């Protein structure tokens, strides 16, 4: 018998209730298609395969997100020092610039 995961709580005949996350197999057959199409339920077998596939893929951070995190608390420092000796001030920030010779 087919099993369905309830995504949003539903009442169904005869006088039953299923809450989000429950897996049920006793839904009225005439209601299954419209419940699937409206996103109230999903095929429990298909959804578990989808969840496994998602778990296998590592999350990748975008370069823009990394840059935003790196520069979130950085402000322009007029008196910045080249502490690593690479010829750049405020490395990896929007304020990165070459050292000016004085």
PDB file of N, CA and C in Angstrom:
ATOM      1  N   UNK A   1       0.846  -1.180   0.000  1.00  0.00           N
ATOM      2  CA  UNK A   1       0.000   0.000   0.000  1.00  0.00           C
ATOM      3  C   UNK A   1       0.895   1.249   0.000  1.00  0.00           C
ATOM      4  N   UNK A   2       0.530   2.237  -0.769  1.00  0.00           N
ATOM      5  CA  UNK A   2       1.311   3.466  -0.886  1.00  0.00           C
ATOM      6  C   UNK A   2       1.256   4.270   0.403  1.00  0.00           C
ATOM      7  N   UNK A   3       2.381   4.915   0.701  1.00  0.00           N
ATOM      8  CA  UNK A   3       2.440   5.744   1.898  1.00  0.00           C
ATOM      9  C   UNK A   3       2.723   7.182   1.493  1.00  0.00           C
ATOM     10  N   UNK A   4       2.121   8.112   2.239  1.00  0.00           N
ATOM     11  CA  UNK A   4       2.250   9.533   1.940  1.00  0.00           C
ATOM     12  C   UNK A   4       2.643  10.293   3.192  1.00  0.00           C
ATOM     13  N   UNK A   5       3.580  11.231   3.034  1.00  0.00           N
ATOM     14  CA  UNK A   5       3.993  12.096   4.137  1.00  0.00           C
ATOM     15  C   UNK A   5       3.113  13.347   4.091  1.00  0.00           C
ATOM     16  N   UNK A   6       2.520  13.672   5.206  1.00  0.00           N
ATOM     17  CA  UNK A   6       1.644  14.837   5.306  1.00  0.00           C
ATOM     18  C   UNK A   6       2.523  16.070   5.524  1.00  0.00           C
ATOM     19  N   UNK A   7       2.346  17.091   4.673  1.00  0.00           N
ATOM     20  CA  UNK A   7       3.135  18.312   4.759  1.00  0.00           C
ATOM     21  C   UNK A   7       2.403  19.429   5.487  1.00  0.00           C
ATOM     22  N   UNK A   8       1.100  19.296   5.578  1.00  0.00           N
ATOM     23  CA  UNK A   8       0.266  20.274   6.274  1.00  0.00           C
ATOM     24  C   UNK A   8      -0.881  19.491   6.904  1.00  0.00           C
ATOM     25  N   UNK A   9      -1.177  19.745   8.164  1.00  0.00           N
ATOM     26  CA  UNK A   9      -2.203  18.974   8.860  1.00  0.00           C
ATOM     27  C   UNK A   9      -3.504  18.888   8.091  1.00  0.00           C
ATOM     28  N   UNK A  10      -4.096  17.683   8.069  1.00  0.00           N
ATOM     29  CA  UNK A  10      -5.352  17.479   7.342  1.00  0.00           C
ATOM     30  C   UNK A  10      -6.309  16.609   8.158  1.00  0.00           C
ATOM     31  N   UNK A  11      -7.597  16.863   7.944  1.00  0.00           N
ATOM     32  CA  UNK A  11      -8.656  15.993   8.447  1.00  0.00           C
ATOM     33  C   UNK A  11      -9.167  15.212   7.248  1.00  0.00           C
ATOM     34  N   UNK A  12      -9.408  13.913   7.434  1.00  0.00           N
ATOM     35  CA  UNK A  12      -9.923  13.113   6.331  1.00  0.00           C
ATOM     36  C   UNK A  12     -10.841  12.023   6.877  1.00  0.00           C
ATOM     37  N   UNK A  13     -11.728  11.521   6.005  1.00  0.00           N
ATOM     38  CA  UNK A  13     -12.704  10.532   6.456  1.00  0.00           C
ATOM     39  C   UNK A  13     -12.044   9.191   6.783  1.00  0.00           C
ATOM     40  N   UNK A  14     -12.630   8.436   7.650  1.00  0.00           N
ATOM     41  CA  UNK A  14     -13.774   8.753   8.498  1.00  0.00           C
ATOM     42  C   UNK A  14     -13.310   9.322   9.841  1.00  0.00           C
ATOM     43  N   UNK A  15     -13.422  10.613  10.020  1.00  0.00           N
ATOM     44  CA  UNK A  15     -13.121  11.284  11.288  1.00  0.00           C
ATOM     45  C   UNK A  15     -11.676  11.066  11.753  1.00  0.00           C
ATOM     46  N   UNK A  16     -10.704  11.285  10.826  1.00  0.00           N
ATOM     47  CA  UNK A  16      -9.290  11.104  11.150  1.00  0.00           C
ATOM     48  C   UNK A  16      -8.540  12.421  10.957  1.00  0.00           C
ATOM     49  N   UNK A  17      -7.363  12.504  11.586  1.00  0.00           N
ATOM     50  CA  UNK A  17      -6.517  13.692  11.462  1.00  0.00           C
ATOM     51  C   UNK A  17      -5.064  13.230  11.338  1.00  0.00           C
ATOM     52  N   UNK A  18      -4.317  13.892  10.441  1.00  0.00           N
ATOM     53  CA  UNK A  18      -2.883  13.639  10.305  1.00  0.00           C
ATOM     54  C   UNK A  18      -2.175  14.984  10.384  1.00  0.00           C
ATOM     55  N   UNK A  19      -1.122  15.045  11.175  1.00  0.00           N
ATOM     56  CA  UNK A  19      -0.349  16.269  11.347  1.00  0.00           C
ATOM     57  C   UNK A  19       0.864  16.266  10.421  1.00  0.00           C
ATOM     58  N   UNK A  20       1.417  17.443  10.174  1.00  0.00           N
ATOM     59  CA  UNK A  20       2.596  17.576   9.316  1.00  0.00           C
ATOM     60  C   UNK A  20       3.708  16.663   9.823  1.00  0.00           C
ATOM     61  N   UNK A  21       4.311  15.921   8.890  1.00  0.00           N
ATOM     62  CA  UNK A  21       5.400  15.013   9.209  1.00  0.00           C
ATOM     63  C   UNK A  21       4.963  13.565   9.368  1.00  0.00           C
ATOM     64  N   UNK A  22       3.688  13.326   9.609  1.00  0.00           N
ATOM     65  CA  UNK A  22       3.206  11.953   9.757  1.00  0.00           C
ATOM     66  C   UNK A  22       3.172  11.262   8.402  1.00  0.00           C
ATOM     67  N   UNK A  23       3.399   9.952   8.412  1.00  0.00           N
ATOM     68  CA  UNK A  23       3.278   9.134   7.201  1.00  0.00           C
ATOM     69  C   UNK A  23       2.019   8.305   7.360  1.00  0.00           C
ATOM     70  N   UNK A  24       1.139   8.401   6.362  1.00  0.00           N
ATOM     71  CA  UNK A  24      -0.139   7.691   6.413  1.00  0.00           C
ATOM     72  C   UNK A  24      -0.314   6.849   5.161  1.00  0.00           C
ATOM     73  N   UNK A  25      -1.144   5.812   5.298  1.00  0.00           N
ATOM     74  CA  UNK A  25      -1.414   4.955   4.144  1.00  0.00           C
ATOM     75  C   UNK A  25      -2.905   4.737   3.940  1.00  0.00           C
ATOM     76  N   UNK A  26      -3.729   5.450   4.701  1.00  0.00           N
ATOM     77  CA  UNK A  26      -5.166   5.219   4.635  1.00  0.00           C
ATOM     78  C   UNK A  26      -5.952   6.425   4.115  1.00  0.00           C
ATOM     79  N   UNK A  27      -5.341   7.235   3.260  1.00  0.00           N
ATOM     80  CA  UNK A  27      -6.049   8.373   2.670  1.00  0.00           C
ATOM     81  C   UNK A  27      -7.070   7.869   1.656  1.00  0.00           C
ATOM     82  N   UNK A  28      -8.172   8.580   1.496  1.00  0.00           N
ATOM     83  CA  UNK A  28      -9.157   8.178   0.491  1.00  0.00           C
ATOM     84  C   UNK A  28      -8.534   8.233  -0.907  1.00  0.00           C
ATOM     85  N   UNK A  29      -8.609   7.156  -1.666  1.00  0.00           N
ATOM     86  CA  UNK A  29      -7.969   7.102  -2.992  1.00  0.00           C
ATOM     87  C   UNK A  29      -8.387   8.238  -3.928  1.00  0.00           C
ATOM     88  N   UNK A  30      -9.645   8.683  -3.841  1.00  0.00           N
ATOM     89  CA  UNK A  30     -10.120   9.746  -4.725  1.00  0.00           C
ATOM     90  C   UNK A  30      -9.517  11.108  -4.371  1.00  0.00           C
ATOM     91  N   UNK A  31      -8.876  11.240  -3.208  1.00  0.00           N
ATOM     92  CA  UNK A  31      -8.309  12.519  -2.773  1.00  0.00           C
ATOM     93  C   UNK A  31      -6.805  12.630  -3.009  1.00  0.00           C
ATOM     94  N   UNK A  32      -6.161  11.510  -3.270  1.00  0.00           N
ATOM     95  CA  UNK A  32      -4.699  11.499  -3.338  1.00  0.00           C
ATOM     96  C   UNK A  32      -4.158  12.434  -4.417  1.00  0.00           C
ATOM     97  N   UNK A  33      -4.710  12.404  -5.613  1.00  0.00           N
ATOM     98  CA  UNK A  33      -4.185  13.249  -6.698  1.00  0.00           C
ATOM     99  C   UNK A  33      -4.228  14.727  -6.361  1.00  0.00           C
ATOM    100  N   UNK A  34      -5.358  15.219  -5.890  1.00  0.00           N
ATOM    101  CA  UNK A  34      -5.431  16.662  -5.606  1.00  0.00           C
ATOM    102  C   UNK A  34      -4.626  17.045  -4.381  1.00  0.00           C
ATOM    103  N   UNK A  35      -4.481  16.127  -3.413  1.00  0.00           N
ATOM    104  CA  UNK A  35      -3.631  16.415  -2.257  1.00  0.00           C
ATOM    105  C   UNK A  35      -2.158  16.510  -2.677  1.00  0.00           C
ATOM    106  N   UNK A  36      -1.728  15.632  -3.591  1.00  0.00           N
ATOM    107  CA  UNK A  36      -0.356  15.695  -4.121  1.00  0.00           C
ATOM    108  C   UNK A  36      -0.141  16.985  -4.911  1.00  0.00           C
ATOM    109  N   UNK A  37      -1.086  17.292  -5.805  1.00  0.00           N
ATOM    110  CA  UNK A  37      -0.961  18.475  -6.664  1.00  0.00           C
ATOM    111  C   UNK A  37      -0.962  19.774  -5.867  1.00  0.00           C
ATOM    112  N   UNK A  38      -1.694  19.812  -4.771  1.00  0.00           N
ATOM    113  CA  UNK A  38      -1.769  21.037  -3.974  1.00  0.00           C
ATOM    114  C   UNK A  38      -0.639  21.137  -2.946  1.00  0.00           C
ATOM    115  N   UNK A  39       0.200  20.090  -2.853  1.00  0.00           N
ATOM    116  CA  UNK A  39       1.348  20.142  -1.956  1.00  0.00           C
ATOM    117  C   UNK A  39       1.020  19.870  -0.502  1.00  0.00           C
ATOM    118  N   UNK A  40      -0.119  19.251  -0.243  1.00  0.00           N
ATOM    119  CA  UNK A  40      -0.509  18.942   1.124  1.00  0.00           C
ATOM    120  C   UNK A  40       0.157  17.636   1.581  1.00  0.00           C
ATOM    121  N   UNK A  41       0.396  16.732   0.621  1.00  0.00           N
ATOM    122  CA  UNK A  41       1.076  15.471   0.915  1.00  0.00           C
ATOM    123  C   UNK A  41       2.148  15.249  -0.146  1.00  0.00           C
ATOM    124  N   UNK A  42       3.063  14.308   0.145  1.00  0.00           N
ATOM    125  CA  UNK A  42       4.046  13.882  -0.849  1.00  0.00           C
ATOM    126  C   UNK A  42       4.229  12.384  -0.709  1.00  0.00           C
ATOM    127  N   UNK A  43       4.659  11.747  -1.792  1.00  0.00           N
ATOM    128  CA  UNK A  43       4.927  10.319  -1.779  1.00  0.00           C
ATOM    129  C   UNK A  43       6.081  10.066  -0.818  1.00  0.00           C
ATOM    130  N   UNK A  44       5.857   9.293   0.225  1.00  0.00           N
ATOM    131  CA  UNK A  44       6.873   9.072   1.253  1.00  0.00           C
ATOM    132  C   UNK A  44       8.113   8.402   0.690  1.00  0.00           C
ATOM    133  N   UNK A  45       7.960   7.504  -0.278  1.00  0.00           N
ATOM    134  CA  UNK A  45       9.122   6.833  -0.872  1.00  0.00           C
ATOM    135  C   UNK A  45       9.960   7.799  -1.685  1.00  0.00           C
ATOM    136  N   UNK A  46       9.333   8.620  -2.497  1.00  0.00           N
ATOM    137  CA  UNK A  46      10.063   9.578  -3.335  1.00  0.00           C
ATOM    138  C   UNK A  46      10.718  10.660  -2.492  1.00  0.00           C
ATOM    139  N   UNK A  47      10.046  11.139  -1.444  1.00  0.00           N
ATOM    140  CA  UNK A  47      10.604  12.218  -0.641  1.00  0.00           C
ATOM    141  C   UNK A  47      11.824  11.754   0.134  1.00  0.00           C
ATOM    142  N   UNK A  48      11.858  10.498   0.586  1.00  0.00           N
ATOM    143  CA  UNK A  48      13.024  10.026   1.333  1.00  0.00           C
ATOM    144  C   UNK A  48      14.234   9.903   0.423  1.00  0.00           C
ATOM    145  N   UNK A  49      14.026   9.535  -0.842  1.00  0.00           N
ATOM    146  CA  UNK A  49      15.137   9.477  -1.792  1.00  0.00           C
ATOM    147  C   UNK A  49      15.668  10.870  -2.066  1.00  0.00           C
ATOM    148  N   UNK A  50      14.753  11.855  -2.171  1.00  0.00           N
ATOM    149  CA  UNK A  50      15.159  13.237  -2.408  1.00  0.00           C
ATOM    150  C   UNK A  50      15.973  13.762  -1.230  1.00  0.00           C
ATOM    151  N   UNK A  51      15.565  13.443  -0.018  1.00  0.00           N
ATOM    152  CA  UNK A  51      16.270  13.896   1.179  1.00  0.00           C
ATOM    153  C   UNK A  51      17.668  13.287   1.221  1.00  0.00           C
ATOM    154  N   UNK A  52      17.799  12.005   0.885  1.00  0.00           N
ATOM    155  CA  UNK A  52      19.113  11.357   0.863  1.00  0.00           C
ATOM    156  C   UNK A  52      20.030  12.027  -0.140  1.00  0.00           C
ATOM    157  N   UNK A  53      19.512  12.360  -1.323  1.00  0.00           N
ATOM    158  CA  UNK A  53      20.328  12.999  -2.353  1.00  0.00           C
ATOM    159  C   UNK A  53      20.799  14.371  -1.888  1.00  0.00           C
ATOM    160  N   UNK A  54      19.954  15.096  -1.208  1.00  0.00           N
ATOM    161  CA  UNK A  54      20.330  16.422  -0.720  1.00  0.00           C
ATOM    162  C   UNK A  54      21.404  16.305   0.348  1.00  0.00           C
ATOM    163  N   UNK A  55      21.301  15.312   1.203  1.00  0.00           N
ATOM    164  CA  UNK A  55      22.285  15.127   2.263  1.00  0.00           C
ATOM    165  C   UNK A  55      23.664  14.822   1.700  1.00  0.00           C
ATOM    166  N   UNK A  56      23.727  14.136   0.562  1.00  0.00           N
ATOM    167  CA  UNK A  56      24.997  13.748  -0.023  1.00  0.00           C
ATOM    168  C   UNK A  56      25.760  14.930  -0.603  1.00  0.00           C
ATOM    169  N   UNK A  57      25.054  15.951  -1.065  1.00  0.00           N
ATOM    170  CA  UNK A  57      25.706  17.101  -1.676  1.00  0.00           C
ATOM    171  C   UNK A  57      26.141  18.091  -0.603  1.00  0.00           C
ATOM    172  N   UNK A  58      27.448  18.377  -0.527  1.00  0.00           N
ATOM    173  CA  UNK A  58      27.896  19.367   0.450  1.00  0.00           C
ATOM    174  C   UNK A  58      27.441  20.761   0.044  1.00  0.00           C
ATOM    175  N   UNK A  59      27.150  21.575   1.025  1.00  0.00           N
ATOM    176  CA  UNK A  59      26.747  22.948   0.730  1.00  0.00           C
ATOM    177  C   UNK A  59      27.971  23.757   0.354  1.00  0.00           C
ATOM    178  N   UNK A  60      27.821  24.557  -0.693  1.00  0.00           N
ATOM    179  CA  UNK A  60      28.918  25.384  -1.154  1.00  0.00           C
ATOM    180  C   UNK A  60      28.583  26.840  -0.860  1.00  0.00           C
ATOM    181  N   UNK A  61      29.544  27.531  -0.283  1.00  0.00           N
ATOM    182  CA  UNK A  61      29.339  28.950  -0.030  1.00  0.00           C
ATOM    183  C   UNK A  61      29.720  29.724  -1.282  1.00  0.00           C
ATOM    184  N   UNK A  62      28.975  30.737  -1.567  1.00  0.00           N
ATOM    185  CA  UNK A  62      29.297  31.560  -2.724  1.00  0.00           C
ATOM    186  C   UNK A  62      30.436  32.501  -2.386  1.00  0.00           C
ATOM    187  N   UNK A  63      31.181  32.883  -3.396  1.00  0.00           N
ATOM    188  CA  UNK A  63      32.287  33.812  -3.201  1.00  0.00           C
ATOM    189  C   UNK A  63      31.768  35.130  -2.639  1.00  0.00           C
ATOM    190  N   UNK A  64      30.639  35.590  -3.142  1.00  0.00           N
ATOM    191  CA  UNK A  64      30.073  36.853  -2.666  1.00  0.00           C
ATOM    192  C   UNK A  64      29.741  36.771  -1.175  1.00  0.00           C
ATOM    193  N   UNK A  65      29.205  35.632  -0.730  1.00  0.00           N
ATOM    194  CA  UNK A  65      28.864  35.477   0.683  1.00  0.00           C
ATOM    195  C   UNK A  65      30.133  35.492   1.534  1.00  0.00           C
ATOM    196  N   UNK A  66      31.167  34.795   1.077  1.00  0.00           N
ATOM    197  CA  UNK A  66      32.434  34.783   1.811  1.00  0.00           C
ATOM    198  C   UNK A  66      33.012  36.188   1.918  1.00  0.00           C
ATOM    199  N   UNK A  67      32.979  36.923   0.807  1.00  0.00           N
ATOM    200  CA  UNK A  67      33.505  38.292   0.808  1.00  0.00           C
ATOM    201  C   UNK A  67      32.704  39.183   1.762  1.00  0.00           C
ATOM    202  N   UNK A  68      31.393  39.026   1.743  1.00  0.00           N
ATOM    203  CA  UNK A  68      30.541  39.843   2.616  1.00  0.00           C
ATOM    204  C   UNK A  68      30.853  39.561   4.079  1.00  0.00           C
ATOM    205  N   UNK A  69      31.047  38.278   4.424  1.00  0.00           N
ATOM    206  CA  UNK A  69      31.374  37.941   5.805  1.00  0.00           C
ATOM    207  C   UNK A  69      32.743  38.487   6.196  1.00  0.00           C
ATOM    208  N   UNK A  70      33.688  38.404   5.262  1.00  0.00           N
ATOM    209  CA  UNK A  70      35.045  38.839   5.540  1.00  0.00           C
ATOM    210  C   UNK A  70      35.121  40.342   5.766  1.00  0.00           C
ATOM    211  N   UNK A  71      34.277  41.086   5.069  1.00  0.00           N
ATOM    212  CA  UNK A  71      34.366  42.550   5.120  1.00  0.00           C
ATOM    213  C   UNK A  71      33.256  43.197   5.943  1.00  0.00           C
ATOM    214  N   UNK A  72      32.435  42.390   6.604  1.00  0.00           N
ATOM    215  CA  UNK A  72      31.281  42.932   7.322  1.00  0.00           C
ATOM    216  C   UNK A  72      31.665  43.980   8.365  1.00  0.00           C
ATOM    217  N   UNK A  73      32.744  43.758   9.095  1.00  0.00           N
ATOM    218  CA  UNK A  73      33.123  44.674  10.168  1.00  0.00           C
ATOM    219  C   UNK A  73      34.401  45.452   9.856  1.00  0.00           C
ATOM    220  N   UNK A  74      34.705  45.626   8.579  1.00  0.00           N
ATOM    221  CA  UNK A  74      35.939  46.310   8.183  1.00  0.00           C
ATOM    222  C   UNK A  74      35.600  47.713   7.705  1.00  0.00           C
ATOM    223  N   UNK A  75      36.382  48.671   8.153  1.00  0.00           N
ATOM    224  CA  UNK A  75      36.212  50.035   7.672  1.00  0.00           C
ATOM    225  C   UNK A  75      37.568  50.548   7.183  1.00  0.00           C
ATOM    226  N   UNK A  76      37.553  51.627   6.447  1.00  0.00           N
ATOM    227  CA  UNK A  76      38.777  52.201   5.905  1.00  0.00           C
ATOM    228  C   UNK A  76      39.678  52.650   7.056  1.00  0.00           C
ATOM    229  N   UNK A  77      40.941  52.245   6.986  1.00  0.00           N
ATOM    230  CA  UNK A  77      41.925  52.625   8.002  1.00  0.00           C
ATOM    231  C   UNK A  77      43.027  53.414   7.308  1.00  0.00           C
ATOM    232  N   UNK A  78      42.998  54.715   7.507  1.00  0.00           N
ATOM    233  CA  UNK A  78      43.969  55.601   6.854  1.00  0.00           C
ATOM    234  C   UNK A  78      45.392  55.298   7.313  1.00  0.00           C
ATOM    235  N   UNK A  79      45.549  54.795   8.522  1.00  0.00           N
ATOM    236  CA  UNK A  79      46.874  54.516   9.075  1.00  0.00           C
ATOM    237  C   UNK A  79      47.208  53.024   9.061  1.00  0.00           C
ATOM    238  N   UNK A  80      46.622  52.260   8.116  1.00  0.00           N
ATOM    239  CA  UNK A  80      46.869  50.817   8.043  1.00  0.00           C
ATOM    240  C   UNK A  80      48.343  50.530   7.813  1.00  0.00           C
ATOM    241  N   UNK A  81      48.802  49.409   8.350  1.00  0.00           N
ATOM    242  CA  UNK A  81      50.196  48.989   8.208  1.00  0.00           C
ATOM    243  C   UNK A  81      50.249  47.706   7.381  1.00  0.00           C
ATOM    244  N   UNK A  82      51.325  47.529   6.642  1.00  0.00           N
ATOM    245  CA  UNK A  82      51.540  46.318   5.850  1.00  0.00           C
ATOM    246  C   UNK A  82      52.206  45.281   6.753  1.00  0.00           C
ATOM    247  N   UNK A  83      51.409  44.617   7.578  1.00  0.00           N
ATOM    248  CA  UNK A  83      51.958  43.704   8.579  1.00  0.00           C
ATOM    249  C   UNK A  83      52.529  42.422   7.979  1.00  0.00           C
ATOM    250  N   UNK A  84      52.051  42.005   6.810  1.00  0.00           N
ATOM    251  CA  UNK A  84      52.569  40.774   6.219  1.00  0.00           C
ATOM    252  C   UNK A  84      53.625  41.024   5.140  1.00  0.00           C
ATOM    253  N   UNK A  85      53.915  42.280   4.870  1.00  0.00           N
ATOM    254  CA  UNK A  85      54.996  42.620   3.951  1.00  0.00           C
ATOM    255  C   UNK A  85      54.737  42.298   2.491  1.00  0.00           C
ATOM    256  N   UNK A  86      53.473  42.221   2.074  1.00  0.00           N
ATOM    257  CA  UNK A  86      53.179  41.884   0.681  1.00  0.00           C
ATOM    258  C   UNK A  86      52.959  43.110  -0.201  1.00  0.00           C
ATOM    259  N   UNK A  87      53.115  44.295   0.357  1.00  0.00           N
ATOM    260  CA  UNK A  87      52.958  45.516  -0.423  1.00  0.00           C
ATOM    261  C   UNK A  87      51.523  46.005  -0.525  1.00  0.00           C
ATOM    262  N   UNK A  88      50.619  45.367   0.223  1.00  0.00           N
ATOM    263  CA  UNK A  88      49.209  45.761   0.202  1.00  0.00           C
ATOM    264  C   UNK A  88      48.737  46.106   1.603  1.00  0.00           C
ATOM    265  N   UNK A  89      47.853  47.098   1.679  1.00  0.00           N
ATOM    266  CA  UNK A  89      47.220  47.480   2.940  1.00  0.00           C
ATOM    267  C   UNK A  89      45.797  46.965   2.948  1.00  0.00           C
ATOM    268  N   UNK A  90      45.309  46.564   4.097  1.00  0.00           N
ATOM    269  CA  UNK A  90      43.946  46.048   4.284  1.00  0.00           C
ATOM    270  C   UNK A  90      43.613  44.969   3.257  1.00  0.00           C
ATOM    271  N   UNK A  91      44.480  43.959   3.198  1.00  0.00           N
ATOM    272  CA  UNK A  91      44.344  42.844   2.247  1.00  0.00           C
ATOM    273  C   UNK A  91      42.959  42.200   2.294  1.00  0.00           C
ATOM    274  N   UNK A  92      42.401  41.884   1.121  1.00  0.00           N
ATOM    275  CA  UNK A  92      41.142  41.153   1.014  1.00  0.00           C
ATOM    276  C   UNK A  92      39.913  41.923   1.417  1.00  0.00           C
ATOM    277  N   UNK A  93      39.989  43.233   1.507  1.00  0.00           N
ATOM    278  CA  UNK A  93      38.824  44.042   1.843  1.00  0.00           C
ATOM    279  C   UNK A  93      38.547  44.994   0.682  1.00  0.00           C
ATOM    280  N   UNK A  94      37.410  45.665   0.685  1.00  0.00           N
ATOM    281  CA  UNK A  94      37.153  46.652  -0.367  1.00  0.00           C
ATOM    282  C   UNK A  94      38.146  47.818  -0.304  1.00  0.00           C
ATOM    283  N   UNK A  95      38.889  47.919   0.795  1.00  0.00           N
ATOM    284  CA  UNK A  95      39.826  49.024   0.977  1.00  0.00           C
ATOM    285  C   UNK A  95      41.270  48.615   0.683  1.00  0.00           C
ATOM    286  N   UNK A  96      41.455  47.445   0.086  1.00  0.00           N
ATOM    287  CA  UNK A  96      42.796  46.984  -0.247  1.00  0.00           C
ATOM    288  C   UNK A  96      43.442  47.957  -1.233  1.00  0.00           C
ATOM    289  N   UNK A  97      44.716  48.276  -0.969  1.00  0.00           N
ATOM    290  CA  UNK A  97      45.425  49.218  -1.833  1.00  0.00           C
ATOM    291  C   UNK A  97      46.926  48.984  -1.663  1.00  0.00           C
ATOM    292  N   UNK A  98      47.687  49.394  -2.642  1.00  0.00           N
ATOM    293  CA  UNK A  98      49.136  49.233  -2.511  1.00  0.00           C
ATOM    294  C   UNK A  98      49.702  50.221  -1.485  1.00  0.00           C
ATOM    295  N   UNK A  99      50.798  49.809  -0.887  1.00  0.00           N
ATOM    296  CA  UNK A  99      51.480  50.680   0.063  1.00  0.00           C
ATOM    297  C   UNK A  99      52.070  51.861  -0.691  1.00  0.00           C
ATOM    298  N   UNK A 100      51.809  53.047  -0.194  1.00  0.00           N
ATOM    299  CA  UNK A 100      52.382  54.236  -0.805  1.00  0.00           C
ATOM    300  C   UNK A 100      53.717  54.532  -0.151  1.00  0.00           C
ATOM    301  N   UNK A 101      54.718  54.764  -0.961  1.00  0.00           N
ATOM    302  CA  UNK A 101      56.045  55.076  -0.418  1.00  0.00           C
ATOM    303  C   UNK A 101      56.022  56.518   0.029  1.00  0.00           C
ATOM    304  N   UNK A 102      56.585  56.804   1.205  1.00  0.00           N
ATOM    305  CA  UNK A 102      56.603  58.166   1.728  1.00  0.00           C
ATOM    306  C   UNK A 102      57.992  58.713   1.747  1.00  0.00           C
TER     307      UNK A 102
END
